[in-house]
Structures are given as C-alpha cells and as structure tokens.
Amino acid sequence: MKHLSALLIGLLFGLGLIVSGMVNPAKVLGFLDLFGDWDPSLAFVMGGAVVVTFFGYRWIGRAGKPWFDIKFRFPSATNIDARLVTGAILFGVGWGLVGLCPGPALAAFLINPWALLVFGSGLLGGMVLTNLFFRKNSGA
C-alpha cells in the first residue's frame, strides 16, 4: 500500500506540474524574467503550494502516525553550510538558464523525452562533479 500511495501522489504531483505550466520552460523563464515580459501566473502556483504545505504540516502534526508507514520522516538537517549554499545557487542558475528543475523535467518526459535526456545528463553530470569536488575538499 505504501508504494501504491507513493505512485498516486507522484502522479497527482506530475499532473499538477503539467496543468500549472511548470513543464513549459518558456512559461518558467517568463516568470523569472522580472524586468522583461514578466508572467506572474506561476506565483499563484507557488502560493498554492505554500498554502497546501502550511495546512498539511498542521494536519500531520495532530495525526498520531502516518497511514502507510511506521513514523513520520521529517528532515533533520538545520545547518546552512557551503555545500547547501553552493547547491542552491547552482540550482537557481540552472533553473534560470534552462527553465526546468528536476520535478517538472520528469513530468515533461512524455512531452519531449529528448529534452529530458539532455537535461538529465547535465543534472547527473553536475551531481557527480559536485560529489567529486566536495569529497576532494573534505579530505575523504
């Protein structure tokens, strides 16, 4: 049941990305173009996500345990370090250059699988290079 619920939630998430236009790089780049031909429509998508998350966390805070697992799993890391800041900057630059981030890119696979292949190759390459860089600089 845990896997089925994850599949259904993933499909709902992907459908939301498609309906909202987040899988369309031109729409995303239009949203990011604050000083040009700005398209504010994705602000409503983000606002909706914030509202759902806000009430979702309040709801699960009152629940005793999750429906399909033995406990809730919340992120435990709270420190802001060079790796987090560097990753956030690179993510933002990549999002601004391409108009896609990993979630919408996967949802766009059915629309344009070749674009996902190029995007995915760059994403995986960046992840490998980042791991090599931080492993080398940490002395591991």
Protein backbone atom coordinates (compact mmCIF):
# COMPACT_ATOMS: atom_id res chain seq x y z
CA MET A 1 0.00 0.00 0.00
CA LYS A 2 2.95 2.32 0.73
CA HIS A 3 4.19 2.04 -2.88
CA LEU A 4 0.72 2.49 -4.35
CA SER A 5 0.16 5.66 -2.34
CA ALA A 6 3.58 6.99 -3.42
CA LEU A 7 2.69 6.27 -7.06
CA LEU A 8 -0.67 8.02 -6.80
CA ILE A 9 0.82 11.04 -5.04
CA GLY A 10 3.59 11.24 -7.66
CA LEU A 11 1.06 11.07 -10.49
CA LEU A 12 -1.02 13.81 -8.85
CA PHE A 13 2.10 15.94 -8.42
CA GLY A 14 3.11 15.42 -12.05
CA LEU A 15 -0.39 16.25 -13.26
CA GLY A 16 -0.30 19.44 -11.19
CA LEU A 17 3.02 20.41 -12.77
CA ILE A 18 1.61 19.83 -16.26
CA VAL A 19 -1.66 21.70 -15.63
CA SER A 20 0.14 24.64 -13.99
CA GLY A 21 2.59 25.05 -16.88
CA MET A 22 5.70 24.25 -14.83
CA VAL A 23 6.82 21.77 -17.51
CA ASN A 24 6.92 24.54 -20.11
CA PRO A 25 10.39 26.14 -19.95
CA ALA A 26 9.14 29.24 -21.81
CA LYS A 27 6.50 29.84 -19.12
CA VAL A 28 9.02 29.34 -16.31
CA LEU A 29 11.55 31.66 -17.97
CA GLY A 30 8.75 34.21 -18.44
CA PHE A 31 8.10 34.05 -14.70
CA LEU A 32 11.80 34.52 -13.92
CA ASP A 33 12.11 37.49 -16.31
CA LEU A 34 11.22 40.17 -13.75
CA PHE A 35 12.46 43.12 -15.82
CA GLY A 36 11.22 41.95 -19.23
CA ASP A 37 7.95 40.37 -20.29
CA TRP A 38 7.12 39.04 -16.81
CA ASP A 39 4.46 36.33 -16.47
CA PRO A 40 3.25 36.32 -12.83
CA SER A 41 0.95 33.28 -13.20
CA LEU A 42 3.41 30.84 -11.61
CA ALA A 43 3.35 32.93 -8.43
CA PHE A 44 -0.16 31.54 -7.88
CA VAL A 45 1.20 28.01 -8.31
CA MET A 46 3.87 28.66 -5.69
CA GLY A 47 1.39 30.39 -3.41
CA GLY A 48 -0.95 27.42 -3.68
CA ALA A 49 1.91 25.07 -2.81
CA VAL A 50 2.80 27.14 0.25
CA VAL A 51 -0.83 27.12 1.46
CA VAL A 52 -1.18 23.36 0.97
CA THR A 53 2.14 22.74 2.74
CA PHE A 54 1.20 25.04 5.62
CA PHE A 55 -2.07 23.26 6.32
CA GLY A 56 -0.59 19.84 5.53
CA TYR A 57 2.08 20.21 8.21
CA ARG A 58 -0.55 21.39 10.71
CA TRP A 59 -2.70 18.37 9.90
CA ILE A 60 0.06 15.76 10.19
CA GLY A 61 1.26 17.43 13.40
CA ARG A 62 -2.01 16.36 15.01
CA ALA A 63 -2.02 12.87 13.49
CA GLY A 64 -0.66 10.06 15.62
CA LYS A 65 1.19 8.25 12.83
CA PRO A 66 1.18 8.12 9.04
CA TRP A 67 -1.25 5.87 7.23
CA PHE A 68 1.31 3.85 5.27
CA ASP A 69 4.48 3.95 7.37
CA ILE A 70 5.52 3.41 10.99
CA LYS A 71 6.59 7.02 11.65
CA PHE A 72 6.77 10.47 10.06
CA ARG A 73 10.11 11.26 8.44
CA PHE A 74 10.99 14.93 8.62
CA PRO A 75 14.31 16.45 7.51
CA SER A 76 16.73 16.66 10.40
CA ALA A 77 19.48 18.88 8.98
CA THR A 78 19.22 22.51 10.08
CA ASN A 79 22.71 23.85 9.38
CA ILE A 80 23.45 26.18 6.49
CA ASP A 81 26.87 25.32 5.10
CA ALA A 82 28.89 25.95 1.94
CA ARG A 83 27.56 22.82 0.27
CA LEU A 84 23.92 23.89 0.77
CA VAL A 85 24.53 27.47 -0.39
CA THR A 86 26.54 26.34 -3.42
CA GLY A 87 23.87 23.82 -4.36
CA ALA A 88 21.11 26.41 -4.02
CA ILE A 89 23.00 28.88 -6.21
CA LEU A 90 23.72 26.27 -8.89
CA PHE A 91 20.12 25.07 -8.79
CA GLY A 92 18.86 28.63 -9.27
CA VAL A 93 21.29 29.36 -12.08
CA GLY A 94 20.36 26.11 -13.84
CA TRP A 95 16.65 26.80 -13.39
CA GLY A 96 17.11 30.30 -14.80
CA LEU A 97 19.13 29.13 -17.80
CA VAL A 98 17.01 26.12 -18.77
CA GLY A 99 13.58 26.86 -17.31
CA LEU A 100 13.26 23.42 -15.75
CA CYS A 101 14.03 21.84 -12.41
CA PRO A 102 14.07 18.06 -11.75
CA GLY A 103 10.36 17.57 -10.88
CA PRO A 104 8.92 19.34 -13.91
CA ALA A 105 11.62 17.83 -16.13
CA LEU A 106 10.45 14.34 -15.19
CA ALA A 107 6.83 15.35 -15.71
CA ALA A 108 7.76 16.72 -19.15
CA PHE A 109 9.25 13.36 -20.20
CA LEU A 110 6.10 12.36 -22.09
CA ILE A 111 6.04 15.69 -23.91
CA ASN A 112 9.70 15.77 -25.00
CA PRO A 113 11.83 12.78 -23.98
CA TRP A 114 14.93 14.03 -25.85
CA ALA A 115 14.99 17.27 -23.88
CA LEU A 116 14.82 15.25 -20.67
CA LEU A 117 17.75 13.13 -21.84
CA VAL A 118 19.89 16.25 -22.33
CA PHE A 119 18.64 17.86 -19.10
CA GLY A 120 19.09 14.62 -17.14
CA SER A 121 22.62 14.15 -18.45
CA GLY A 122 23.55 17.65 -17.32
CA LEU A 123 21.86 17.10 -13.96
CA LEU A 124 23.63 13.80 -13.32
CA GLY A 125 26.95 15.23 -14.53
CA GLY A 126 26.60 18.15 -12.13
CA MET A 127 25.81 15.79 -9.26
CA VAL A 128 28.88 13.67 -9.98
CA LEU A 129 31.14 16.72 -10.26
CA THR A 130 29.75 18.16 -7.02
CA ASN A 131 30.36 14.91 -5.15
CA LEU A 132 33.92 14.70 -6.50
CA PHE A 133 34.59 18.35 -5.57
CA PHE A 134 33.30 18.08 -2.00
CA ARG A 135 34.90 14.66 -1.45
CA LYS A 136 38.28 16.06 -2.60
CA ASN A 137 37.96 19.20 -0.46
CA SER A 138 36.80 17.35 2.66
CA GLY A 139 39.86 15.10 2.69
CA ALA A 140 37.80 11.90 2.39
